[in-house]
């Protein structure tokens, strides 16, 4: 692992992510609540996932709304962003899926 913390490794992140969000016992319920809170999404809609990680929530949204028109994934970790982009692009082949390698508040050129 080349990065400073285990959270930077996309494989480790995918394995351990559940325990640090809603808790393993509540993860499915937590995601279901997110999907229920969204309005109907279709070809004219654009979802932006800030801090998308490896795309767990984006793929849930893509599965629930397969006609979604556009999704933008924002993540500073390049390996995680590549994984998220591949996953979402496969699930939404007709959509415009963009990957932005940046963090919130990142200065231009960093």
Protein backbone atom coordinates (compact mmCIF):
# COMPACT_ATOMS: atom_id res chain seq x y z
CA UNK A 1 0.00 0.00 0.00
CA UNK A 2 1.55 3.28 -1.14
CA UNK A 3 -0.73 5.69 0.68
CA UNK A 4 -0.38 6.99 4.22
CA UNK A 5 -3.57 5.47 5.62
CA UNK A 6 -5.51 2.28 4.92
CA UNK A 7 -8.58 4.36 3.99
CA UNK A 8 -6.78 5.43 0.83
CA UNK A 9 -6.63 1.87 -0.53
CA UNK A 10 -9.85 1.15 -2.52
CA UNK A 11 -9.90 -2.57 -1.66
CA UNK A 12 -9.47 -1.97 2.08
CA UNK A 13 -11.98 0.87 1.90
CA UNK A 14 -14.64 -1.36 0.30
CA UNK A 15 -14.12 -4.04 2.95
CA UNK A 16 -14.28 -1.72 5.95
CA UNK A 17 -16.58 1.08 4.84
CA UNK A 18 -19.79 -0.42 6.28
CA UNK A 19 -18.61 -0.56 9.89
CA UNK A 20 -17.75 3.15 9.95
CA UNK A 21 -20.91 4.61 8.40
CA UNK A 22 -24.23 3.42 9.79
CA UNK A 23 -22.82 0.26 11.31
CA UNK A 24 -22.89 -3.17 9.72
CA UNK A 25 -26.23 -4.06 11.27
CA UNK A 26 -27.89 -0.92 9.86
CA UNK A 27 -26.12 -0.47 6.51
CA UNK A 28 -28.90 -1.80 4.28
CA UNK A 29 -31.52 0.25 6.12
CA UNK A 30 -29.36 3.36 5.89
CA UNK A 31 -29.03 2.99 2.11
CA UNK A 32 -32.73 2.26 1.67
CA UNK A 33 -33.54 5.48 3.54
CA UNK A 34 -31.28 7.44 1.19
CA UNK A 35 -33.00 6.03 -1.89
CA UNK A 36 -36.45 6.76 -0.46
CA UNK A 37 -35.45 10.37 0.22
CA UNK A 38 -34.58 11.01 -3.44
CA UNK A 39 -37.12 12.42 -5.88
CA UNK A 40 -37.86 10.48 -9.07
CA UNK A 41 -34.80 10.67 -11.35
CA UNK A 42 -34.78 10.32 -15.11
CA UNK A 43 -32.95 11.24 -18.32
CA UNK A 44 -33.06 14.99 -17.63
CA UNK A 45 -31.61 14.66 -14.12
CA UNK A 46 -28.03 15.03 -12.90
CA UNK A 47 -26.73 13.52 -9.66
CA UNK A 48 -23.44 14.67 -8.14
CA UNK A 49 -21.77 12.38 -5.60
CA UNK A 50 -19.27 14.42 -3.58
CA UNK A 51 -16.71 12.20 -1.93
CA UNK A 52 -17.95 9.19 -3.88
CA UNK A 53 -15.28 6.81 -2.62
CA UNK A 54 -15.55 3.63 -4.66
CA UNK A 55 -19.12 4.38 -5.73
CA UNK A 56 -21.24 2.41 -3.29
CA UNK A 57 -24.03 4.97 -3.03
CA UNK A 58 -23.78 5.99 -6.68
CA UNK A 59 -24.28 2.41 -7.80
CA UNK A 60 -27.33 2.09 -5.53
CA UNK A 61 -28.79 5.20 -7.12
CA UNK A 62 -27.94 3.89 -10.60
CA UNK A 63 -29.67 0.59 -9.84
CA UNK A 64 -32.77 2.37 -8.54
CA UNK A 65 -32.89 4.88 -11.43
CA UNK A 66 -31.44 3.19 -14.55
CA UNK A 67 -32.72 5.99 -16.82
CA UNK A 68 -30.68 8.66 -15.01
CA UNK A 69 -29.18 11.07 -17.54
CA UNK A 70 -26.00 12.27 -15.88
CA UNK A 71 -23.85 11.52 -12.85
CA UNK A 72 -20.73 13.34 -11.71
CA UNK A 73 -18.41 11.58 -9.28
CA UNK A 74 -16.05 13.71 -7.18
CA UNK A 75 -13.26 12.04 -5.22
CA UNK A 76 -9.66 13.10 -4.46
CA UNK A 77 -8.35 9.50 -4.34
CA UNK A 78 -7.62 8.50 -7.94
CA UNK A 79 -7.85 4.73 -7.38
CA UNK A 80 -11.23 5.03 -5.67
CA UNK A 81 -12.48 7.41 -8.35
CA UNK A 82 -11.46 5.01 -11.15
CA UNK A 83 -13.35 2.19 -9.45
CA UNK A 84 -16.46 4.31 -8.92
CA UNK A 85 -16.40 5.55 -12.52
CA UNK A 86 -16.08 2.03 -13.91
CA UNK A 87 -18.91 0.72 -11.74
CA UNK A 88 -21.34 3.55 -12.49
CA UNK A 89 -20.49 3.68 -16.20
CA UNK A 90 -21.26 -0.02 -16.50
CA UNK A 91 -24.60 0.39 -14.74
CA UNK A 92 -25.60 3.54 -16.66
CA UNK A 93 -24.29 2.97 -20.20
CA UNK A 94 -26.63 5.59 -21.70
CA UNK A 95 -25.75 8.29 -19.13
CA UNK A 96 -23.02 10.89 -19.15
CA UNK A 97 -20.80 9.78 -16.26
CA UNK A 98 -18.00 12.17 -15.33
CA UNK A 99 -15.15 11.65 -12.89
CA UNK A 100 -13.63 14.66 -11.17
CA UNK A 101 -10.44 14.03 -9.22
CA UNK A 102 -10.76 16.73 -6.60
CA UNK A 103 -11.70 17.26 -3.00
CA UNK A 104 -14.01 19.88 -1.59
CA UNK A 105 -12.18 23.10 -1.02
CA UNK A 106 -9.19 21.99 -3.09
CA UNK A 107 -7.21 24.86 -4.50
CA UNK A 108 -6.85 25.08 -8.24
CA UNK A 109 -3.74 23.23 -9.38
CA UNK A 110 -3.52 20.93 -6.34
